[in-house]
Amino acid sequence: MNRFVALLVAAIGCTRGGTVPPQAESTDPRPIVTMSRGPCYGTCPQYTVNLDAAGAVTFIGYAHTAHVGAVRGAADVTRAQNLLLRLERELPHIAERYVAGEASCGLYHTDAPQIEITLVTPRLSRRIIHNQGCGGAPPSLRALENAIDSVAGTSRWLR
């Protein structure tokens, strides 16, 4: 019996604080958006942020961030829900890929990070890959990326 209690306490202890595996939120049935910002040739912040309809935020900093590793936070629930509805409404009208060599990219310049947005709701599952060096991406895509950062409050974990 004591061995069972020790294992249970160890398991619970591993799920509070500490490192959160990136896939932890994917089993949650609530709508969720995940955005990952990749590297550039400079010091662009590299991180993944998850935001769900309840306002739960998980930030995982990889490089050039003030916080490296996983941390949890909270966003305003109304803003989170409104953002998820906006993404659900706007993402279907945006191409899935803006990467070098594809027609959707348009004029391309190097030294720009790649951003990946994944939205999962009961009505829609959508993934957008956006290399920010692609001039053909619509301005609305960059506005959505900035809105995700704003609502999730990622600036608190950046430099």
N, C-alpha and C. Protein backbone atom coordinates (compact mmCIF):
# COMPACT_ATOMS: atom_id res chain seq x y z
N MET A 1 0.83 -1.20 0.00
CA MET A 1 0.00 0.00 0.00
C MET A 1 0.87 1.26 0.00
N ASN A 2 1.92 1.30 0.83
CA ASN A 2 2.79 2.47 0.87
C ASN A 2 3.48 2.70 -0.47
N ARG A 3 3.80 1.59 -1.16
CA ARG A 3 4.43 1.72 -2.48
C ARG A 3 3.46 2.38 -3.47
N PHE A 4 2.18 2.01 -3.42
CA PHE A 4 1.16 2.61 -4.28
C PHE A 4 1.03 4.10 -4.00
N VAL A 5 0.98 4.49 -2.73
CA VAL A 5 0.87 5.90 -2.35
C VAL A 5 2.08 6.67 -2.85
N ALA A 6 3.26 6.09 -2.70
CA ALA A 6 4.48 6.76 -3.15
C ALA A 6 4.45 6.97 -4.67
N LEU A 7 4.00 5.96 -5.41
CA LEU A 7 3.91 6.10 -6.87
C LEU A 7 2.87 7.15 -7.25
N LEU A 8 1.74 7.18 -6.54
CA LEU A 8 0.71 8.16 -6.81
C LEU A 8 1.21 9.57 -6.54
N VAL A 9 1.87 9.77 -5.42
CA VAL A 9 2.42 11.08 -5.07
C VAL A 9 3.46 11.50 -6.10
N ALA A 10 4.30 10.57 -6.54
CA ALA A 10 5.31 10.88 -7.55
C ALA A 10 4.65 11.28 -8.86
N ALA A 11 3.60 10.58 -9.26
CA ALA A 11 2.91 10.89 -10.50
C ALA A 11 2.24 12.26 -10.44
N ILE A 12 1.59 12.56 -9.33
CA ILE A 12 0.94 13.86 -9.16
C ILE A 12 1.98 14.96 -9.12
N GLY A 13 3.07 14.74 -8.45
CA GLY A 13 4.14 15.73 -8.37
C GLY A 13 4.72 16.06 -9.72
N CYS A 14 4.76 15.09 -10.63
CA CYS A 14 5.31 15.33 -11.96
C CYS A 14 4.39 16.16 -12.82
N THR A 15 3.11 16.25 -12.48
CA THR A 15 2.18 16.98 -13.33
C THR A 15 1.95 18.40 -12.84
N ARG A 16 2.48 18.79 -11.71
CA ARG A 16 2.28 20.14 -11.20
C ARG A 16 3.57 20.91 -11.34
N GLY A 17 3.48 22.10 -11.95
CA GLY A 17 4.68 22.88 -12.17
C GLY A 17 5.58 22.16 -13.15
N GLY A 18 6.85 22.42 -13.08
CA GLY A 18 7.81 21.69 -13.89
C GLY A 18 7.53 21.77 -15.38
N THR A 19 8.11 20.85 -16.10
CA THR A 19 7.99 20.83 -17.54
C THR A 19 6.68 20.19 -17.97
N VAL A 20 6.00 20.84 -18.89
CA VAL A 20 4.75 20.34 -19.42
C VAL A 20 5.00 19.84 -20.83
N PRO A 21 4.71 18.57 -21.12
CA PRO A 21 4.93 18.10 -22.49
C PRO A 21 4.04 18.87 -23.46
N PRO A 22 4.56 19.24 -24.65
CA PRO A 22 3.76 20.02 -25.59
C PRO A 22 2.44 19.37 -25.97
N GLN A 23 2.35 18.05 -25.96
CA GLN A 23 1.12 17.39 -26.37
C GLN A 23 0.09 17.32 -25.25
N ALA A 24 0.38 17.84 -24.06
CA ALA A 24 -0.52 17.72 -22.92
C ALA A 24 -1.90 18.32 -23.22
N GLU A 25 -1.95 19.47 -23.90
CA GLU A 25 -3.23 20.11 -24.17
C GLU A 25 -4.01 19.44 -25.30
N SER A 26 -3.37 18.63 -26.13
CA SER A 26 -4.03 18.09 -27.31
C SER A 26 -5.15 17.10 -26.98
N THR A 27 -5.19 16.55 -25.77
CA THR A 27 -6.24 15.61 -25.40
C THR A 27 -7.46 16.32 -24.81
N ASP A 28 -7.37 17.62 -24.63
CA ASP A 28 -8.46 18.40 -24.06
C ASP A 28 -9.50 18.67 -25.14
N PRO A 29 -10.81 18.40 -24.89
CA PRO A 29 -11.83 18.59 -25.91
C PRO A 29 -12.17 20.07 -26.17
N ARG A 30 -11.69 20.98 -25.33
CA ARG A 30 -11.98 22.40 -25.54
C ARG A 30 -11.23 22.91 -26.78
N PRO A 31 -11.77 23.91 -27.46
CA PRO A 31 -11.05 24.52 -28.57
C PRO A 31 -9.68 25.02 -28.10
N ILE A 32 -8.68 24.85 -28.95
CA ILE A 32 -7.33 25.25 -28.60
C ILE A 32 -6.58 25.73 -29.83
N VAL A 33 -5.73 26.71 -29.63
CA VAL A 33 -4.82 27.15 -30.68
C VAL A 33 -3.40 26.98 -30.16
N THR A 34 -2.53 26.51 -31.04
CA THR A 34 -1.11 26.38 -30.75
C THR A 34 -0.36 27.17 -31.81
N MET A 35 0.58 27.98 -31.36
CA MET A 35 1.42 28.71 -32.30
C MET A 35 2.88 28.50 -31.93
N SER A 36 3.68 28.14 -32.93
CA SER A 36 5.12 27.95 -32.73
C SER A 36 5.87 28.94 -33.60
N ARG A 37 6.83 29.61 -33.00
CA ARG A 37 7.72 30.51 -33.75
C ARG A 37 9.09 29.87 -33.81
N GLY A 38 9.60 29.70 -35.03
CA GLY A 38 10.87 29.04 -35.24
C GLY A 38 12.03 30.03 -35.30
N PRO A 39 13.22 29.50 -35.58
CA PRO A 39 14.44 30.33 -35.58
C PRO A 39 14.56 31.19 -36.83
N CYS A 40 15.40 32.19 -36.72
CA CYS A 40 15.83 32.99 -37.85
C CYS A 40 17.36 33.03 -37.77
N TYR A 41 18.01 33.80 -38.64
CA TYR A 41 19.47 33.87 -38.60
C TYR A 41 19.98 34.75 -37.47
N GLY A 42 19.10 35.41 -36.78
CA GLY A 42 19.48 36.29 -35.68
C GLY A 42 19.02 35.75 -34.34
N THR A 43 18.41 36.61 -33.56
CA THR A 43 18.00 36.23 -32.21
C THR A 43 16.48 36.26 -32.05
N CYS A 44 15.77 35.83 -33.07
CA CYS A 44 14.31 35.75 -32.98
C CYS A 44 13.91 34.81 -31.85
N PRO A 45 12.93 35.18 -31.04
CA PRO A 45 12.48 34.26 -29.99
C PRO A 45 11.86 33.00 -30.60
N GLN A 46 12.23 31.86 -30.03
CA GLN A 46 11.71 30.57 -30.48
C GLN A 46 10.89 29.98 -29.35
N TYR A 47 9.62 29.76 -29.61
CA TYR A 47 8.73 29.25 -28.57
C TYR A 47 7.47 28.65 -29.16
N THR A 48 6.75 27.95 -28.31
CA THR A 48 5.41 27.44 -28.62
C THR A 48 4.48 27.94 -27.53
N VAL A 49 3.31 28.38 -27.93
CA VAL A 49 2.31 28.81 -26.97
C VAL A 49 0.99 28.12 -27.30
N ASN A 50 0.32 27.60 -26.29
CA ASN A 50 -1.00 26.98 -26.41
C ASN A 50 -1.99 27.85 -25.63
N LEU A 51 -3.16 28.04 -26.22
CA LEU A 51 -4.21 28.81 -25.57
C LEU A 51 -5.52 28.09 -25.80
N ASP A 52 -6.29 27.87 -24.72
CA ASP A 52 -7.58 27.21 -24.90
C ASP A 52 -8.73 28.14 -24.54
N ALA A 53 -9.95 27.68 -24.76
CA ALA A 53 -11.14 28.50 -24.57
C ALA A 53 -11.38 28.89 -23.12
N ALA A 54 -10.77 28.20 -22.19
CA ALA A 54 -10.90 28.55 -20.77
C ALA A 54 -9.85 29.58 -20.34
N GLY A 55 -9.00 29.98 -21.29
CA GLY A 55 -7.97 30.97 -20.98
C GLY A 55 -6.67 30.36 -20.46
N ALA A 56 -6.56 29.05 -20.45
CA ALA A 56 -5.33 28.41 -20.00
C ALA A 56 -4.24 28.60 -21.06
N VAL A 57 -3.07 29.03 -20.61
CA VAL A 57 -1.94 29.28 -21.50
C VAL A 57 -0.77 28.42 -21.06
N THR A 58 -0.13 27.76 -22.02
CA THR A 58 1.12 27.06 -21.77
C THR A 58 2.14 27.64 -22.74
N PHE A 59 3.23 28.14 -22.20
CA PHE A 59 4.32 28.72 -22.99
C PHE A 59 5.53 27.82 -22.82
N ILE A 60 6.17 27.48 -23.93
CA ILE A 60 7.40 26.69 -23.88
C ILE A 60 8.46 27.47 -24.65
N GLY A 61 9.40 28.04 -23.93
CA GLY A 61 10.49 28.80 -24.54
C GLY A 61 11.64 27.88 -24.91
N TYR A 62 12.16 28.06 -26.13
CA TYR A 62 13.27 27.23 -26.60
C TYR A 62 14.57 28.01 -26.67
N ALA A 63 14.53 29.22 -27.22
CA ALA A 63 15.75 30.03 -27.36
C ALA A 63 15.36 31.50 -27.51
N HIS A 64 16.24 32.38 -27.04
CA HIS A 64 16.06 33.83 -27.15
C HIS A 64 14.76 34.30 -26.50
N THR A 65 14.41 33.68 -25.40
CA THR A 65 13.25 34.08 -24.61
C THR A 65 13.75 34.31 -23.18
N ALA A 66 13.00 35.08 -22.40
CA ALA A 66 13.37 35.31 -21.01
C ALA A 66 13.17 34.05 -20.17
N HIS A 67 12.26 33.19 -20.61
CA HIS A 67 11.99 31.94 -19.90
C HIS A 67 12.20 30.78 -20.86
N VAL A 68 13.11 29.87 -20.51
CA VAL A 68 13.33 28.67 -21.31
C VAL A 68 12.67 27.51 -20.57
N GLY A 69 11.89 26.73 -21.28
CA GLY A 69 11.14 25.63 -20.67
C GLY A 69 9.68 25.99 -20.62
N ALA A 70 8.91 25.16 -19.95
CA ALA A 70 7.46 25.32 -19.90
C ALA A 70 7.01 26.11 -18.69
N VAL A 71 6.02 26.92 -18.91
CA VAL A 71 5.40 27.69 -17.83
C VAL A 71 3.93 27.85 -18.19
N ARG A 72 3.10 27.91 -17.17
CA ARG A 72 1.66 28.09 -17.38
C ARG A 72 1.25 29.49 -16.97
N GLY A 73 0.20 29.95 -17.62
CA GLY A 73 -0.35 31.25 -17.30
C GLY A 73 -1.84 31.26 -17.62
N ALA A 74 -2.42 32.42 -17.54
CA ALA A 74 -3.85 32.55 -17.83
C ALA A 74 -4.08 33.77 -18.69
N ALA A 75 -5.10 33.67 -19.52
CA ALA A 75 -5.54 34.79 -20.36
C ALA A 75 -6.98 35.09 -20.00
N ASP A 76 -7.43 36.27 -20.35
CA ASP A 76 -8.82 36.64 -20.15
C ASP A 76 -9.70 35.67 -20.96
N VAL A 77 -10.66 35.04 -20.30
CA VAL A 77 -11.49 34.00 -20.93
C VAL A 77 -12.27 34.56 -22.11
N THR A 78 -12.86 35.73 -21.96
CA THR A 78 -13.65 36.32 -23.05
C THR A 78 -12.76 36.60 -24.26
N ARG A 79 -11.57 37.16 -24.02
CA ARG A 79 -10.65 37.44 -25.13
C ARG A 79 -10.21 36.14 -25.79
N ALA A 80 -9.95 35.10 -25.00
CA ALA A 80 -9.53 33.81 -25.55
C ALA A 80 -10.64 33.22 -26.43
N GLN A 81 -11.86 33.23 -25.93
CA GLN A 81 -12.98 32.68 -26.70
C GLN A 81 -13.23 33.48 -27.98
N ASN A 82 -13.14 34.81 -27.89
CA ASN A 82 -13.32 35.64 -29.08
C ASN A 82 -12.22 35.39 -30.11
N LEU A 83 -10.99 35.21 -29.64
CA LEU A 83 -9.89 34.91 -30.55
C LEU A 83 -10.11 33.58 -31.25
N LEU A 84 -10.50 32.56 -30.50
CA LEU A 84 -10.74 31.25 -31.10
C LEU A 84 -11.86 31.31 -32.14
N LEU A 85 -12.91 32.07 -31.87
CA LEU A 85 -13.99 32.24 -32.85
C LEU A 85 -13.47 32.97 -34.09
N ARG A 86 -12.64 33.99 -33.87
CA ARG A 86 -12.06 34.73 -35.00
C ARG A 86 -11.19 33.82 -35.85
N LEU A 87 -10.35 33.01 -35.21
CA LEU A 87 -9.49 32.07 -35.94
C LEU A 87 -10.34 31.06 -36.72
N GLU A 88 -11.37 30.57 -36.09
CA GLU A 88 -12.25 29.60 -36.74
C GLU A 88 -12.93 30.21 -37.97
N ARG A 89 -13.21 31.49 -37.90
CA ARG A 89 -13.87 32.20 -38.99
C ARG A 89 -12.89 32.56 -40.12
N GLU A 90 -11.65 32.97 -39.76
CA GLU A 90 -10.73 33.51 -40.75
C GLU A 90 -9.74 32.50 -41.33
N LEU A 91 -9.30 31.51 -40.55
CA LEU A 91 -8.27 30.59 -41.05
C LEU A 91 -8.69 29.79 -42.29
N PRO A 92 -9.97 29.40 -42.44
CA PRO A 92 -10.33 28.65 -43.65
C PRO A 92 -10.13 29.45 -44.95
N HIS A 93 -10.01 30.77 -44.85
CA HIS A 93 -9.84 31.61 -46.03
C HIS A 93 -8.37 31.94 -46.31
N ILE A 94 -7.48 31.34 -45.55
CA ILE A 94 -6.04 31.57 -45.70
C ILE A 94 -5.41 30.26 -46.17
N ALA A 95 -4.49 30.36 -47.14
CA ALA A 95 -3.80 29.17 -47.64
C ALA A 95 -3.09 28.45 -46.50
N GLU A 96 -2.89 27.15 -46.65
CA GLU A 96 -2.26 26.37 -45.58
C GLU A 96 -0.75 26.55 -45.51
N ARG A 97 -0.12 26.96 -46.62
CA ARG A 97 1.35 27.04 -46.63
C ARG A 97 1.83 28.30 -47.35
N TYR A 98 2.67 29.04 -46.66
CA TYR A 98 3.40 30.15 -47.24
C TYR A 98 4.87 29.86 -46.97
N VAL A 99 5.49 29.09 -47.86
CA VAL A 99 6.89 28.70 -47.70
C VAL A 99 7.62 28.92 -49.02
N ALA A 100 8.92 29.13 -48.94
CA ALA A 100 9.75 29.41 -50.12
C ALA A 100 9.55 28.34 -51.17
N GLY A 101 9.45 28.77 -52.42
CA GLY A 101 9.31 27.85 -53.53
C GLY A 101 7.87 27.55 -53.93
N GLU A 102 6.91 27.96 -53.13
CA GLU A 102 5.50 27.74 -53.47
C GLU A 102 4.90 29.03 -53.98
N ALA A 103 3.96 28.89 -54.90
CA ALA A 103 3.34 30.07 -55.52
C ALA A 103 2.73 31.01 -54.47
N SER A 104 2.17 30.46 -53.42
CA SER A 104 1.54 31.28 -52.39
C SER A 104 2.54 32.19 -51.67
N CYS A 105 3.83 31.85 -51.74
CA CYS A 105 4.86 32.61 -51.03
C CYS A 105 5.06 34.00 -51.62
N GLY A 106 5.00 34.10 -52.92
CA GLY A 106 5.29 35.39 -53.55
C GLY A 106 6.77 35.68 -53.46
N LEU A 107 7.13 36.96 -53.43
CA LEU A 107 8.53 37.34 -53.29
C LEU A 107 9.04 36.87 -51.92
N TYR A 108 10.26 36.33 -51.92
CA TYR A 108 10.79 35.73 -50.69
C TYR A 108 12.10 36.40 -50.28
N HIS A 109 12.25 36.61 -48.99
CA HIS A 109 13.54 37.07 -48.45
C HIS A 109 13.92 36.16 -47.29
N THR A 110 15.21 35.99 -47.12
CA THR A 110 15.71 35.09 -46.07
C THR A 110 15.72 35.79 -44.72
N ASP A 111 16.18 35.07 -43.71
CA ASP A 111 16.35 35.56 -42.34
C ASP A 111 15.03 35.92 -41.67
N ALA A 112 14.01 35.11 -41.90
CA ALA A 112 12.71 35.33 -41.26
C ALA A 112 12.27 34.02 -40.60
N PRO A 113 11.67 34.11 -39.45
CA PRO A 113 11.21 32.90 -38.77
C PRO A 113 10.00 32.28 -39.46
N GLN A 114 9.83 31.01 -39.22
CA GLN A 114 8.63 30.30 -39.69
C GLN A 114 7.68 30.16 -38.52
N ILE A 115 6.42 30.42 -38.78
CA ILE A 115 5.39 30.34 -37.74
C ILE A 115 4.38 29.28 -38.15
N GLU A 116 4.01 28.46 -37.20
CA GLU A 116 3.01 27.43 -37.46
C GLU A 116 1.86 27.64 -36.48
N ILE A 117 0.66 27.72 -37.03
CA ILE A 117 -0.55 27.85 -36.22
C ILE A 117 -1.38 26.59 -36.43
N THR A 118 -1.82 25.99 -35.33
CA THR A 118 -2.73 24.85 -35.39
C THR A 118 -3.95 25.19 -34.54
N LEU A 119 -5.11 25.09 -35.16
CA LEU A 119 -6.37 25.35 -34.48
C LEU A 119 -7.19 24.06 -34.47
N VAL A 120 -7.68 23.68 -33.29
CA VAL A 120 -8.53 22.50 -33.18
C VAL A 120 -9.76 22.90 -32.38
N THR A 121 -10.92 22.82 -33.04
CA THR A 121 -12.20 23.09 -32.39
C THR A 121 -13.13 21.93 -32.76
N PRO A 122 -14.30 21.86 -32.15
CA PRO A 122 -15.25 20.81 -32.54
C PRO A 122 -15.67 20.91 -34.02
N ARG A 123 -15.58 22.11 -34.60
CA ARG A 123 -16.03 22.31 -35.98
C ARG A 123 -14.90 22.40 -37.00
N LEU A 124 -13.65 22.59 -36.57
CA LEU A 124 -12.58 22.85 -37.51
C LEU A 124 -11.24 22.39 -36.95
N SER A 125 -10.45 21.80 -37.82
CA SER A 125 -9.05 21.51 -37.51
C SER A 125 -8.24 22.08 -38.67
N ARG A 126 -7.34 23.00 -38.37
CA ARG A 126 -6.63 23.71 -39.44
C ARG A 126 -5.19 23.98 -39.01
N ARG A 127 -4.27 23.84 -39.96
CA ARG A 127 -2.85 24.10 -39.71
C ARG A 127 -2.33 25.01 -40.80
N ILE A 128 -1.68 26.10 -40.39
CA ILE A 128 -1.11 27.07 -41.32
C ILE A 128 0.39 27.16 -41.04
N ILE A 129 1.19 27.08 -42.10
CA ILE A 129 2.64 27.27 -41.98
C ILE A 129 2.98 28.55 -42.72
N HIS A 130 3.64 29.47 -42.03
CA HIS A 130 3.93 30.79 -42.59
C HIS A 130 5.39 31.14 -42.36
N ASN A 131 6.18 31.08 -43.42
CA ASN A 131 7.53 31.63 -43.34
C ASN A 131 7.37 33.13 -43.54
N GLN A 132 7.79 33.90 -42.56
CA GLN A 132 7.56 35.33 -42.61
C GLN A 132 8.37 36.04 -43.68
N GLY A 133 9.24 35.32 -44.38
CA GLY A 133 9.94 35.88 -45.52
C GLY A 133 9.10 35.88 -46.78
N CYS A 134 7.94 35.27 -46.74
CA CYS A 134 7.06 35.20 -47.91
C CYS A 134 6.22 36.46 -48.02
N GLY A 135 6.43 37.20 -49.08
CA GLY A 135 5.69 38.44 -49.29
C GLY A 135 4.25 38.23 -49.72
N GLY A 136 3.90 37.01 -50.15
CA GLY A 136 2.56 36.74 -50.64
C GLY A 136 1.55 36.41 -49.55
N ALA A 137 2.00 36.28 -48.32
CA ALA A 137 1.07 35.98 -47.22
C ALA A 137 0.19 37.21 -46.97
N PRO A 138 -1.10 37.00 -46.72
CA PRO A 138 -1.98 38.15 -46.49
C PRO A 138 -1.67 38.83 -45.16
N PRO A 139 -1.82 40.15 -45.10
CA PRO A 139 -1.59 40.88 -43.85
C PRO A 139 -2.46 40.34 -42.71
N SER A 140 -3.61 39.78 -43.03
CA SER A 140 -4.49 39.26 -41.99
C SER A 140 -3.84 38.10 -41.23
N LEU A 141 -2.95 37.35 -41.89
CA LEU A 141 -2.27 36.24 -41.21
C LEU A 141 -1.34 36.77 -40.14
N ARG A 142 -0.55 37.77 -40.46
CA ARG A 142 0.35 38.37 -39.46
C ARG A 142 -0.48 38.98 -38.32
N ALA A 143 -1.63 39.56 -38.65
CA ALA A 143 -2.51 40.13 -37.62
C ALA A 143 -3.02 39.04 -36.69
N LEU A 144 -3.35 37.86 -37.23
CA LEU A 144 -3.79 36.75 -36.39
C LEU A 144 -2.66 36.25 -35.50
N GLU A 145 -1.45 36.17 -36.05
CA GLU A 145 -0.29 35.74 -35.25
C GLU A 145 -0.07 36.71 -34.09
N ASN A 146 -0.14 37.99 -34.38
CA ASN A 146 0.03 39.00 -33.32
C ASN A 146 -1.10 38.93 -32.29
N ALA A 147 -2.32 38.63 -32.75
CA ALA A 147 -3.46 38.52 -31.84
C ALA A 147 -3.28 37.33 -30.89
N ILE A 148 -2.75 36.23 -31.40
CA ILE A 148 -2.50 35.06 -30.54
C ILE A 148 -1.51 35.44 -29.45
N ASP A 149 -0.41 36.09 -29.84
CA ASP A 149 0.58 36.54 -28.86
C ASP A 149 -0.03 37.49 -27.85
N SER A 150 -0.85 38.42 -28.32
CA SER A 150 -1.45 39.42 -27.45
C SER A 150 -2.39 38.78 -26.42
N VAL A 151 -3.30 37.95 -26.89
CA VAL A 151 -4.28 37.34 -25.97
C VAL A 151 -3.59 36.38 -25.00
N ALA A 152 -2.63 35.60 -25.49
CA ALA A 152 -1.91 34.66 -24.62
C ALA A 152 -0.94 35.36 -23.68
N GLY A 153 -0.58 36.61 -24.00
CA GLY A 153 0.34 37.36 -23.13
C GLY A 153 1.76 36.85 -23.20
N THR A 154 2.22 36.43 -24.38
CA THR A 154 3.57 35.86 -24.47
C THR A 154 4.66 36.85 -24.12
N SER A 155 4.39 38.15 -24.22
CA SER A 155 5.43 39.14 -23.93
C SER A 155 5.98 39.01 -22.52
N ARG A 156 5.22 38.44 -21.60
CA ARG A 156 5.72 38.29 -20.21
C ARG A 156 6.85 37.26 -20.12
N TRP A 157 7.00 36.41 -21.15
CA TRP A 157 8.07 35.41 -21.14
C TRP A 157 9.16 35.70 -22.17
N LEU A 158 9.03 36.83 -22.86
CA LEU A 158 10.04 37.20 -23.86
C LEU A 158 10.99 38.22 -23.28
N ARG A 159 12.06 38.49 -24.00
CA ARG A 159 13.05 39.48 -23.53
C ARG A 159 12.58 40.87 -23.80
